Amino acid sequence: MLKQAGHEAVALEGAKSQYDVLVDGTLAFSKQQVGRFPEDDEVLELLRDRPG
């Protein structure tokens, strides 16, 4: 578990090749939509941009 910017995060196994980041039930990043894994600290930036 990771606690950053007032959010708690856990990694859950998904379908093959799936990498989605959900914040408060809302899709914030999708590898399949963007076509790549997130860059270093990109997920943390997504969390910082969301209200905590």
Protein backbone atom coordinates (compact mmCIF):
# COMPACT_ATOMS: atom_id res chain seq x y z
CA MET A 1 0.00 0.00 0.00
CA LEU A 2 1.17 3.53 -0.78
CA LYS A 3 -0.07 6.68 0.91
CA GLN A 4 0.68 9.84 -1.05
CA ALA A 5 -1.13 13.18 -1.36
CA GLY A 6 -3.94 11.98 0.91
CA HIS A 7 -4.73 8.90 -1.18
CA GLU A 8 -4.17 5.25 -0.41
CA ALA A 9 -3.19 2.97 -3.27
CA VAL A 10 -2.86 -0.77 -3.72
CA ALA A 11 -1.77 -2.84 -6.69
CA LEU A 12 -4.24 -5.47 -7.84
CA GLU A 13 -3.66 -8.08 -10.51
CA GLY A 14 -5.68 -7.41 -13.63
CA ALA A 15 -6.18 -9.03 -17.01
CA LYS A 16 -3.15 -9.83 -19.14
CA SER A 17 -1.29 -6.65 -20.22
CA GLN A 18 -3.71 -4.46 -18.28
CA TYR A 19 -2.39 -1.54 -16.21
CA ASP A 20 -5.07 0.85 -14.99
CA VAL A 21 -4.86 3.40 -12.21
CA LEU A 22 -8.16 4.19 -10.51
CA VAL A 23 -8.48 7.13 -8.12
CA ASP A 24 -11.60 7.10 -5.98
CA GLY A 25 -13.19 4.72 -8.50
CA THR A 26 -12.37 6.93 -11.50
CA LEU A 27 -9.95 5.85 -14.21
CA ALA A 28 -6.91 8.14 -14.04
CA PHE A 29 -4.47 6.20 -16.28
CA SER A 30 -4.91 3.29 -18.67
CA LYS A 31 -1.98 1.58 -20.37
CA GLN A 32 -4.31 0.25 -23.03
CA GLN A 33 -5.68 3.74 -23.84
CA VAL A 34 -2.27 5.46 -23.82
CA GLY A 35 -0.28 2.55 -25.26
CA ARG A 36 2.49 2.60 -22.63
CA PHE A 37 3.28 2.21 -18.97
CA PRO A 38 3.37 5.46 -16.97
CA GLU A 39 6.63 7.40 -16.77
CA ASP A 40 8.52 7.69 -13.47
CA ASP A 41 6.39 9.57 -10.91
CA GLU A 42 3.51 10.00 -13.41
CA VAL A 43 1.09 8.10 -11.18
CA LEU A 44 2.14 10.18 -8.16
CA GLU A 45 1.49 13.33 -10.21
CA LEU A 46 -1.99 12.03 -11.04
CA LEU A 47 -2.63 11.56 -7.32
CA ARG A 48 -1.29 15.02 -6.47
CA ASP A 49 -3.63 16.58 -9.05
CA ARG A 50 -6.69 14.99 -7.43
CA PRO A 51 -8.37 16.33 -4.30
CA GLY A 52 -7.49 14.22 -1.25
